[in-house]
Protein backbone atom coordinates (compact mmCIF):
# COMPACT_ATOMS: atom_id res chain seq x y z
CA MET A 1 -22.61 0.86 -10.09
CA PRO A 2 -21.55 3.29 -7.34
CA LEU A 3 -18.46 5.43 -7.63
CA GLU A 4 -15.88 4.14 -5.14
CA VAL A 5 -12.63 5.55 -3.74
CA SER A 6 -10.47 4.78 -0.72
CA MET A 7 -8.26 7.07 1.36
CA ALA A 8 -5.51 6.25 3.83
CA LEU A 9 -5.73 7.85 7.27
CA PRO A 10 -2.96 9.25 9.47
CA GLY A 11 -2.02 7.25 12.51
CA HIS A 12 -4.25 7.63 15.58
CA TYR A 13 -6.99 9.32 13.55
CA ARG A 14 -9.85 10.17 15.95
CA PHE A 15 -13.31 9.24 14.72
CA GLU A 16 -15.08 10.70 17.74
CA GLU A 17 -15.23 14.21 16.28
CA PHE A 18 -16.25 12.93 12.84
CA VAL A 19 -19.15 10.89 14.24
CA HIS A 20 -20.19 13.73 16.58
CA PHE A 21 -20.28 16.23 13.72
CA HIS A 22 -22.48 14.06 11.49
CA ASP A 23 -24.71 12.63 14.21
CA ARG A 24 -26.15 15.87 15.58
CA ASP A 25 -29.71 15.38 14.35
CA ALA A 26 -31.55 12.62 16.21
CA GLN A 27 -34.22 12.55 13.48
CA GLN A 28 -31.58 11.54 10.89
CA LEU A 29 -33.25 13.25 7.95
CA ALA A 30 -30.10 13.69 5.85
CA GLU A 31 -27.44 11.49 7.46
CA ARG A 32 -27.24 8.36 9.57
CA VAL A 33 -24.38 6.88 11.56
CA ASP A 34 -24.69 3.17 12.23
CA ALA A 35 -24.89 1.83 15.77
CA GLY A 36 -21.24 0.85 15.80
CA GLY A 37 -20.13 4.33 14.78
CA ARG A 38 -18.04 2.96 11.90
CA GLN A 39 -20.27 3.77 8.93
CA LEU A 40 -21.94 6.96 7.73
CA TYR A 41 -24.74 7.37 5.21
CA LYS A 42 -25.20 10.95 4.07
CA ALA A 43 -27.48 12.23 1.31
CA ILE A 44 -25.89 15.04 -0.67
CA THR A 45 -26.47 16.99 -3.85
CA TRP A 46 -23.80 15.84 -6.30
CA LYS A 47 -23.57 17.78 -9.56
CA SER A 48 -27.16 19.00 -9.15
CA ARG A 49 -28.49 15.48 -8.49
CA PRO A 50 -29.22 13.73 -5.21
CA ALA A 51 -26.75 11.02 -4.25
CA LEU A 52 -26.05 8.87 -1.21
CA LEU A 53 -22.54 8.93 0.21
CA GLN A 54 -21.60 5.81 2.16
CA LEU A 55 -18.43 5.91 4.24
CA GLN A 56 -16.97 2.82 5.89
CA TRP A 57 -13.82 3.10 7.91
CA GLN A 58 -11.24 0.95 9.62
CA SER A 59 -8.27 2.04 11.68
CA ALA A 60 -6.08 3.01 8.73
CA SER A 61 -8.39 3.88 5.81
CA VAL A 62 -11.84 4.98 4.70
CA ARG A 63 -13.81 3.57 1.79
CA ALA A 64 -16.33 5.89 0.13
CA CYS A 65 -19.16 4.76 -2.17
CA LEU A 66 -21.37 7.28 -3.93
CA HIS A 67 -24.76 5.87 -4.94
CA GLY A 68 -27.11 7.57 -7.36
CA PRO A 69 -30.91 7.24 -7.35
CA GLN A 70 -32.35 3.99 -8.65
CA GLY A 71 -32.33 3.90 -12.44
CA GLU A 72 -29.96 6.85 -12.78
CA PRO A 73 -26.76 6.53 -14.86
CA GLU A 74 -23.46 5.81 -13.17
CA LEU A 75 -21.79 8.61 -11.25
CA GLN A 76 -18.38 9.78 -12.40
CA ASP A 77 -15.53 12.12 -11.35
CA GLU A 78 -13.33 10.14 -8.99
CA GLN A 79 -11.03 13.14 -8.48
CA ALA A 80 -13.89 15.30 -7.18
CA LEU A 81 -14.98 12.54 -4.81
CA GLN A 82 -11.42 12.21 -3.48
CA ALA A 83 -11.23 15.96 -2.87
CA MET A 84 -14.60 15.99 -1.08
CA LEU A 85 -13.61 13.02 1.07
CA GLY A 86 -10.37 14.75 2.07
CA ARG A 87 -12.27 17.86 3.18
CA MET A 88 -14.83 15.84 5.10
CA LEU A 89 -12.13 13.92 6.95
CA GLY A 90 -10.18 17.07 7.80
CA LEU A 91 -7.15 16.07 5.76
CA ALA A 92 -6.80 19.24 3.69
CA TYR A 93 -3.97 20.44 5.96
CA PRO A 94 -1.65 18.36 8.18
CA ALA A 95 -3.09 18.67 11.69
CA ALA A 96 0.08 17.14 13.12
CA GLY A 97 1.81 20.47 12.43
CA LEU A 98 -0.03 22.02 15.37
CA GLU A 99 1.12 19.28 17.72
CA GLN A 100 4.70 19.63 16.52
CA ALA A 101 4.69 23.41 16.85
CA HIS A 102 2.94 23.77 20.21
CA GLY A 103 3.12 20.41 21.94
CA ALA A 104 5.27 21.95 24.66
CA HIS A 105 2.92 24.87 25.36
CA PRO A 106 2.13 24.88 29.11
CA GLU A 107 -1.65 25.21 28.65
CA LEU A 108 -2.41 23.86 25.18
CA GLY A 109 0.26 21.16 25.08
CA PRO A 110 -1.40 18.74 27.54
CA LEU A 111 -4.70 19.08 25.64
CA LEU A 112 -2.98 18.33 22.32
CA ARG A 113 -1.44 15.21 23.80
CA ARG A 114 -4.76 14.02 25.23
CA GLN A 115 -6.47 14.61 21.88
CA ALA A 116 -3.64 13.53 19.61
CA GLY A 117 -4.90 12.57 16.17
CA LEU A 118 -7.77 15.06 16.14
CA HIS A 119 -8.75 16.27 12.67
CA VAL A 120 -11.54 18.72 11.94
CA PRO A 121 -14.47 17.06 10.14
CA GLY A 122 -15.84 19.12 7.30
CA SER A 123 -18.97 19.44 5.19
CA PRO A 124 -19.15 17.82 1.74
CA THR A 125 -19.43 21.24 0.11
CA PRO A 126 -18.49 24.80 1.05
CA PHE A 127 -22.12 25.77 0.46
CA GLU A 128 -23.31 23.37 3.15
CA ALA A 129 -20.64 24.69 5.53
CA LEU A 130 -21.57 28.32 4.84
CA THR A 131 -25.31 27.81 5.19
CA TRP A 132 -24.82 25.82 8.41
CA ALA A 133 -22.68 28.65 9.76
CA ILE A 134 -25.36 31.22 8.88
CA THR A 135 -28.03 29.03 10.45
CA GLY A 136 -26.02 28.61 13.64
CA GLN A 137 -25.22 32.26 14.26
CA GLN A 138 -25.90 33.29 17.88
CA ILE A 139 -28.21 30.39 18.73
CA THR A 140 -27.78 27.06 20.49
CA VAL A 141 -26.66 23.97 18.61
CA ALA A 142 -30.01 22.27 19.27
CA VAL A 143 -31.95 25.15 17.70
CA ALA A 144 -29.53 25.31 14.77
CA VAL A 145 -29.93 21.58 14.12
CA ALA A 146 -33.72 21.95 14.10
CA LEU A 147 -33.53 24.85 11.62
CA ARG A 148 -31.13 22.90 9.42
CA ARG A 149 -33.60 20.00 9.35
CA LYS A 150 -36.36 22.37 8.27
CA LEU A 151 -34.20 23.76 5.46
CA ILE A 152 -33.54 20.23 4.22
CA ALA A 153 -37.27 19.45 4.39
CA LEU A 154 -38.06 22.61 2.40
CA ALA A 155 -35.45 22.34 -0.35
CA GLY A 156 -33.74 18.96 -0.11
CA GLN A 157 -34.54 16.06 -2.42
CA PRO A 158 -35.71 12.67 -1.11
CA LEU A 159 -33.37 9.93 -2.24
CA ASP A 160 -34.02 6.23 -2.77
CA ALA A 161 -30.75 4.58 -3.81
CA GLY A 162 -32.26 1.09 -3.58
CA GLY A 163 -30.40 -2.01 -2.46
CA GLY A 164 -31.60 -1.73 1.13
CA LEU A 165 -29.82 1.59 1.62
CA PRO A 166 -31.52 4.11 3.94
CA LEU A 167 -34.02 6.63 2.59
CA LEU A 168 -32.69 10.12 3.29
CA HIS A 169 -33.09 13.69 2.03
CA ALA A 170 -30.18 15.33 0.24
CA TYR A 171 -28.92 18.59 1.67
CA PRO A 172 -29.96 21.21 -0.93
CA ASP A 173 -27.52 23.00 -3.19
CA ALA A 174 -27.57 26.74 -3.88
CA ALA A 175 -29.94 26.40 -6.85
CA ARG A 176 -32.67 24.80 -4.75
CA VAL A 177 -32.32 27.21 -1.83
CA ALA A 178 -32.29 30.20 -4.17
CA ARG A 179 -35.75 29.23 -5.44
CA LEU A 180 -37.29 29.45 -1.96
CA GLU A 181 -39.45 32.38 -0.98
CA LEU A 182 -38.48 34.48 2.01
CA GLN A 183 -41.79 33.68 3.70
CA ALA A 184 -41.17 29.93 3.41
CA LEU A 185 -37.98 30.30 5.44
CA ARG A 186 -39.67 32.60 7.92
CA SER A 187 -42.50 30.08 8.39
CA ALA A 188 -39.87 27.39 9.03
CA GLY A 189 -38.51 29.40 11.95
CA PHE A 190 -35.64 31.35 10.40
CA SER A 191 -35.32 34.95 11.51
CA GLN A 192 -35.76 37.66 8.91
CA ALA A 193 -32.02 38.33 8.92
CA LYS A 194 -30.99 34.67 8.57
CA ALA A 195 -33.55 34.05 5.82
CA GLN A 196 -32.37 37.07 3.85
CA THR A 197 -28.73 36.06 4.21
CA LEU A 198 -29.39 32.48 3.12
CA LEU A 199 -31.21 33.69 0.03
CA ALA A 200 -28.55 36.31 -0.76
CA VAL A 201 -25.77 33.72 -0.52
CA SER A 202 -27.64 31.13 -2.59
CA ARG A 203 -28.50 33.61 -5.33
CA ALA A 204 -24.94 34.95 -5.41
CA VAL A 205 -23.65 31.40 -5.93
CA GLU A 206 -26.22 30.80 -8.66
CA GLN A 207 -25.22 34.01 -10.44
CA GLY A 208 -21.53 33.14 -10.31
CA LEU A 209 -20.75 36.01 -7.93
CA LEU A 210 -19.69 33.72 -5.09
CA PRO A 211 -17.56 30.92 -6.60
CA LEU A 212 -17.49 28.64 -3.56
CA ASP A 213 -16.64 25.50 -5.54
CA ASP A 214 -13.92 27.23 -7.57
CA TRP A 215 -12.28 28.27 -4.30
CA ALA A 216 -12.52 24.66 -3.12
CA ALA A 217 -10.79 23.42 -6.26
CA ARG A 218 -8.02 25.97 -5.80
CA SER A 219 -7.65 25.03 -2.15
CA ALA A 220 -7.51 21.31 -3.00
CA SER A 221 -4.73 21.97 -5.51
CA GLY A 222 -2.55 23.38 -2.73
CA ALA A 223 -2.44 26.78 -4.40
CA TRP A 224 -4.23 28.67 -1.63
CA ASN A 225 -2.35 31.19 0.49
CA GLU A 226 -3.21 33.94 2.95
CA GLY A 227 -3.79 36.37 0.11
CA ASP A 228 -6.43 34.09 -1.40
CA VAL A 229 -8.05 33.62 1.99
CA GLY A 230 -8.11 37.39 2.44
CA GLN A 231 -9.89 37.84 -0.87
CA VAL A 232 -12.45 35.16 -0.01
CA THR A 233 -12.97 36.78 3.38
CA GLN A 234 -13.64 40.17 1.81
CA GLN A 235 -16.20 38.74 -0.62
CA LEU A 236 -18.05 36.91 2.12
CA LEU A 237 -18.01 39.86 4.52
CA ALA A 238 -19.54 42.03 1.79
CA ILE A 239 -22.77 40.05 2.12
CA LYS A 240 -25.15 41.47 4.70
CA GLY A 241 -25.52 39.12 7.63
CA ILE A 242 -22.08 37.52 7.38
CA GLY A 243 -19.48 38.42 9.99
CA PRO A 244 -16.00 37.20 10.93
CA TRP A 245 -17.22 34.14 12.89
CA THR A 246 -19.30 32.92 9.94
CA VAL A 247 -16.39 33.44 7.55
CA ASN A 248 -13.82 31.66 9.68
CA TYR A 249 -16.16 28.80 10.51
CA THR A 250 -16.88 28.35 6.79
CA LEU A 251 -13.19 28.42 5.95
CA LEU A 252 -12.60 25.67 8.52
CA ARG A 253 -15.54 23.37 7.79
CA GLY A 254 -15.82 24.05 4.06
CA TYR A 255 -12.16 24.30 3.05
CA GLY A 256 -10.12 22.94 5.94
CA TRP A 257 -8.30 26.28 6.38
CA PRO A 258 -6.52 25.94 9.75
CA ASP A 259 -5.98 29.56 10.76
CA GLY A 260 -9.30 31.39 10.98
CA SER A 261 -9.63 32.96 14.41
CA LEU A 262 -12.84 31.82 16.12
CA HIS A 263 -12.42 34.09 19.13
CA GLY A 264 -16.06 35.19 18.94
CA ASP A 265 -17.30 31.65 19.55
CA VAL A 266 -18.88 31.28 23.00
CA ALA A 267 -17.82 27.63 23.35
CA VAL A 268 -14.23 28.47 22.41
CA ARG A 269 -14.10 31.17 25.06
CA ARG A 270 -15.62 28.85 27.65
CA ALA A 271 -13.02 26.19 26.82
CA ILE A 272 -10.18 28.72 27.08
CA ALA A 273 -11.37 29.57 30.59
CA ARG A 274 -11.48 25.92 31.56
CA LEU A 275 -8.02 25.31 30.10
CA THR A 276 -6.34 28.33 31.67
CA GLY A 277 -8.23 28.30 34.98
CA GLU A 278 -9.17 31.96 34.54
CA ASP A 279 -12.45 33.79 34.00
CA LYS A 280 -14.09 33.37 30.61
CA PRO A 281 -12.37 35.87 28.28
CA ASP A 282 -14.24 38.32 26.14
CA ALA A 283 -13.78 38.17 22.37
CA ARG A 284 -10.80 40.53 22.40
CA ALA A 285 -8.95 38.59 25.08
CA ALA A 286 -9.76 35.29 23.34
CA SER A 287 -8.37 36.70 20.10
CA ALA A 288 -5.14 37.66 21.87
CA TRP A 289 -4.82 34.19 23.43
CA LEU A 290 -5.41 32.42 20.10
CA ALA A 291 -2.98 34.71 18.26
CA GLN A 292 0.01 32.91 19.76
CA PHE A 293 -0.95 29.79 17.79
CA LYS A 294 -1.03 31.35 14.32
CA PRO A 295 -1.21 29.75 11.69
CA TRP A 296 -3.20 27.06 13.53
CA ARG A 297 -5.85 29.10 15.34
CA ALA A 298 -8.85 27.29 13.85
CA LEU A 299 -7.37 23.90 14.70
CA VAL A 300 -6.81 25.12 18.24
CA ALA A 301 -10.49 26.09 18.34
CA ALA A 302 -11.38 22.57 17.22
CA HIS A 303 -9.35 21.13 20.09
CA LEU A 304 -11.15 23.50 22.44
CA TRP A 305 -14.53 22.37 21.10
CA ALA A 306 -13.53 18.74 21.54
CA SER A 307 -12.60 19.40 25.15
CA LEU A 308 -16.24 20.31 25.86
CA ALA A 309 -18.43 17.23 25.83
CA ASP A 310 -21.54 19.27 25.00
CA SER A 311 -20.11 21.06 21.94
CA ALA A 312 -21.34 19.85 18.54
CA TYR A 313 -20.11 22.56 16.21
């Protein structure tokens, strides 16, 4: 039997961003959104085993079913599934706080009203968020999606959950990526720098030096504060190939942290220009503009992404 949980949604929850985030790969190797846009199938690695996450949503709630491979024992840990679902739906922090704090802002306010109910969709695990961020550094979304697909093909596990459910490949966990050879990633199209960083991150997680899941548990408990985020930031920045954009993107998509400044993001800067009617700012000017919205800078970036129809980050 699958493990099942349900979660209530805030009023006016926007599914557009959620569907857009999980429907980036037209080849649908690891996830599939149904034609109506109201159901997601996503293969994940759950406690070192492949599993199929099935999400079905209505206007006020989401039902999640986690299916194991055919013949495998039942999946357990309802609390962990609830926490993962909350991160994926962008419910780790109350997004309405941004609208309440800055709804009257002359530039941002109208955008917040047009996009009321926006929550930032997240990855099932911080590891997936971090490796996607590393993959997507300084390249187009289309190229990043293709590289992500190749990583899944290299290290992911094919999953047959039976019962007419789709056959997908589970996004690999750190253990499976850590076993890859550098040349395998290079042959798949990853640059030398990206390949080295992916392996360094995966091996650090495996060795217990980068406790991504422990940080997620602490964040889910509500115990996180800016001091904790600062410590996480320092540990991530100490890894060669990881810079501020990668850290703040991971904090947003992997933990739901709402205040990482994504001023280095090209799409964010382009959206700021469109919103303000001025020339596209450089990273320093974008940082200064976003600073006025602290502690909601990452959520502001998400609204800016959503204002650009061609943005899929």
